[in-house]
C-alpha atoms as a PDB file:
ATOM      1  CA  UNK A   1       0.060  -0.009  -0.035  1.00  0.00           C
ATOM      2  CA  UNK A   2       1.342   3.431  -0.933  1.00  0.00           C
ATOM      3  CA  UNK A   3       0.573   6.178   1.728  1.00  0.00           C
ATOM      4  CA  UNK A   4      -0.607   9.501   0.798  1.00  0.00           C
ATOM      5  CA  UNK A   5       2.017  12.273   0.893  1.00  0.00           C
ATOM      6  CA  UNK A   6      -0.022  14.642   2.988  1.00  0.00           C
ATOM      7  CA  UNK A   7      -0.442  11.985   5.958  1.00  0.00           C
ATOM      8  CA  UNK A   8       3.506  11.207   5.679  1.00  0.00           C
ATOM      9  CA  UNK A   9       4.517  15.067   6.143  1.00  0.00           C
ATOM     10  CA  UNK A  10       4.476  14.603   9.992  1.00  0.00           C
ATOM     11  CA  UNK A  11       6.399  11.114   9.922  1.00  0.00           C
ATOM     12  CA  UNK A  12       9.036  12.789   7.481  1.00  0.00           C
ATOM     13  CA  UNK A  13       9.376  15.911   9.596  1.00  0.00           C
ATOM     14  CA  UNK A  14      10.052  13.555  12.602  1.00  0.00           C
ATOM     15  CA  UNK A  15      12.704  11.357  10.628  1.00  0.00           C
ATOM     16  CA  UNK A  16      14.565  14.602   9.430  1.00  0.00           C
ATOM     17  CA  UNK A  17      14.725  15.772  12.919  1.00  0.00           C
ATOM     18  CA  UNK A  18      16.067  12.412  13.985  1.00  0.00           C
ATOM     19  CA  UNK A  19      18.519  12.555  10.973  1.00  0.00           C
ATOM     20  CA  UNK A  20      19.828  15.902  12.309  1.00  0.00           C
ATOM     21  CA  UNK A  21      20.130  14.802  15.748  1.00  0.00           C
ATOM     22  CA  UNK A  22      22.006  11.654  14.752  1.00  0.00           C
ATOM     23  CA  UNK A  23      24.554  14.109  12.932  1.00  0.00           C
ATOM     24  CA  UNK A  24      24.757  15.705  16.281  1.00  0.00           C
ATOM     25  CA  UNK A  25      25.664  12.469  18.126  1.00  0.00           C
ATOM     26  CA  UNK A  26      28.262  11.719  15.511  1.00  0.00           C
ATOM     27  CA  UNK A  27      29.715  15.198  15.784  1.00  0.00           C
ATOM     28  CA  UNK A  28      29.779  14.512  19.618  1.00  0.00           C
ATOM     29  CA  UNK A  29      31.788  11.389  19.173  1.00  0.00           C
ATOM     30  CA  UNK A  30      34.213  12.975  16.641  1.00  0.00           C
ATOM     31  CA  UNK A  31      35.077  15.731  19.440  1.00  0.00           C
ATOM     32  CA  UNK A  32      35.453  13.206  22.105  1.00  0.00           C
ATOM     33  CA  UNK A  33      32.232  13.789  24.365  1.00  0.00           C
ATOM     34  CA  UNK A  34      31.795  11.756  27.290  1.00  0.00           C
ATOM     35  CA  UNK A  35      30.362   8.313  26.652  1.00  0.00           C
ATOM     36  CA  UNK A  36      27.258   8.903  28.894  1.00  0.00           C
ATOM     37  CA  UNK A  37      26.348  11.801  27.021  1.00  0.00           C
ATOM     38  CA  UNK A  38      26.771  10.147  23.775  1.00  0.00           C
ATOM     39  CA  UNK A  39      24.642   7.190  24.691  1.00  0.00           C
ATOM     40  CA  UNK A  40      21.975   9.614  26.211  1.00  0.00           C
ATOM     41  CA  UNK A  41      21.669  11.260  22.940  1.00  0.00           C
ATOM     42  CA  UNK A  42      21.934   8.206  21.105  1.00  0.00           C
ATOM     43  CA  UNK A  43      19.007   6.598  23.064  1.00  0.00           C
ATOM     44  CA  UNK A  44      17.037   9.642  22.157  1.00  0.00           C
ATOM     45  CA  UNK A  45      17.658   9.183  18.393  1.00  0.00           C
ATOM     46  CA  UNK A  46      16.871   5.613  18.645  1.00  0.00           C
ATOM     47  CA  UNK A  47      13.373   6.350  20.421  1.00  0.00           C
ATOM     48  CA  UNK A  48      12.599   9.195  17.805  1.00  0.00           C
ATOM     49  CA  UNK A  49      13.279   6.758  14.769  1.00  0.00           C
ATOM     50  CA  UNK A  50      11.138   4.163  16.602  1.00  0.00           C
ATOM     51  CA  UNK A  51       8.359   6.431  17.200  1.00  0.00           C
ATOM     52  CA  UNK A  52       8.547   7.340  13.520  1.00  0.00           C
ATOM     53  CA  UNK A  53       8.193   3.664  12.673  1.00  0.00           C
ATOM     54  CA  UNK A  54       5.348   3.136  14.891  1.00  0.00           C
ATOM     55  CA  UNK A  55       3.589   6.556  13.485  1.00  0.00           C
ATOM     56  CA  UNK A  56       4.186   4.987   9.750  1.00  0.00           C
ATOM     57  CA  UNK A  57       2.252   1.730  10.649  1.00  0.00           C
ATOM     58  CA  UNK A  58      -0.332   3.747  12.528  1.00  0.00           C
ATOM     59  CA  UNK A  59      -1.145   5.879   9.415  1.00  0.00           C
ATOM     60  CA  UNK A  60      -0.934   2.898   7.001  1.00  0.00           C
ATOM     61  CA  UNK A  61      -3.655   1.084   9.172  1.00  0.00           C
ATOM     62  CA  UNK A  62      -5.821   4.067   9.489  1.00  0.00           C
ATOM     63  CA  UNK A  63      -5.727   4.384   5.718  1.00  0.00           C
ATOM     64  CA  UNK A  64      -6.671   0.742   5.219  1.00  0.00           C
ATOM     65  CA  UNK A  65      -9.576   1.085   7.550  1.00  0.00           C
ATOM     66  CA  UNK A  66     -10.819   4.106   5.927  1.00  0.00           C
ATOM     67  CA  UNK A  67     -10.401   2.867   2.435  1.00  0.00           C
ATOM     68  CA  UNK A  68     -11.416  -0.967   2.816  1.00  0.00           C
ATOM     69  CA  UNK A  69     -12.877  -1.501   6.458  1.00  0.00           C
ATOM     70  CA  UNK A  70     -11.794  -3.843   9.186  1.00  0.00           C
ATOM     71  CA  UNK A  71     -11.781  -6.940   6.624  1.00  0.00           C
ATOM     72  CA  UNK A  72      -9.219  -5.143   4.630  1.00  0.00           C
ATOM     73  CA  UNK A  73      -6.524  -5.497   7.317  1.00  0.00           C
ATOM     74  CA  UNK A  74      -4.062  -8.325   7.160  1.00  0.00           C
ATOM     75  CA  UNK A  75      -3.540  -9.019  10.881  1.00  0.00           C
ATOM     76  CA  UNK A  76      -0.448 -11.231  10.265  1.00  0.00           C
ATOM     77  CA  UNK A  77       1.389  -8.768   8.344  1.00  0.00           C
ATOM     78  CA  UNK A  78       0.322  -5.959  10.575  1.00  0.00           C
ATOM     79  CA  UNK A  79       1.711  -8.046  13.665  1.00  0.00           C
ATOM     80  CA  UNK A  80       5.071  -8.773  11.622  1.00  0.00           C
ATOM     81  CA  UNK A  81       5.431  -4.993  10.994  1.00  0.00           C
ATOM     82  CA  UNK A  82       4.842  -4.181  14.775  1.00  0.00           C
ATOM     83  CA  UNK A  83       7.300  -7.040  15.786  1.00  0.00           C
ATOM     84  CA  UNK A  84       9.945  -5.681  13.444  1.00  0.00           C
ATOM     85  CA  UNK A  85       9.956  -2.429  15.159  1.00  0.00           C
ATOM     86  CA  UNK A  86      10.103  -3.800  18.597  1.00  0.00           C
END
């Protein structure tokens, strides 16, 4: 299923923010920042990316329900997608 671009704007914005945040973490490492500080920021990037993934799955599910109703949802496939993010 292709997702509508309007629905994806928020997810894309979130992922771009995480991309910038990751660049900051890399810069910290290159500059010799404290390990604890780097790991704290890396955990924040990881969480932001995970939330982006869940938002993507949620958007797809909402679109499936809106266009095809409850019977259009492949629950096994949806479960696999959620587990891939876990």
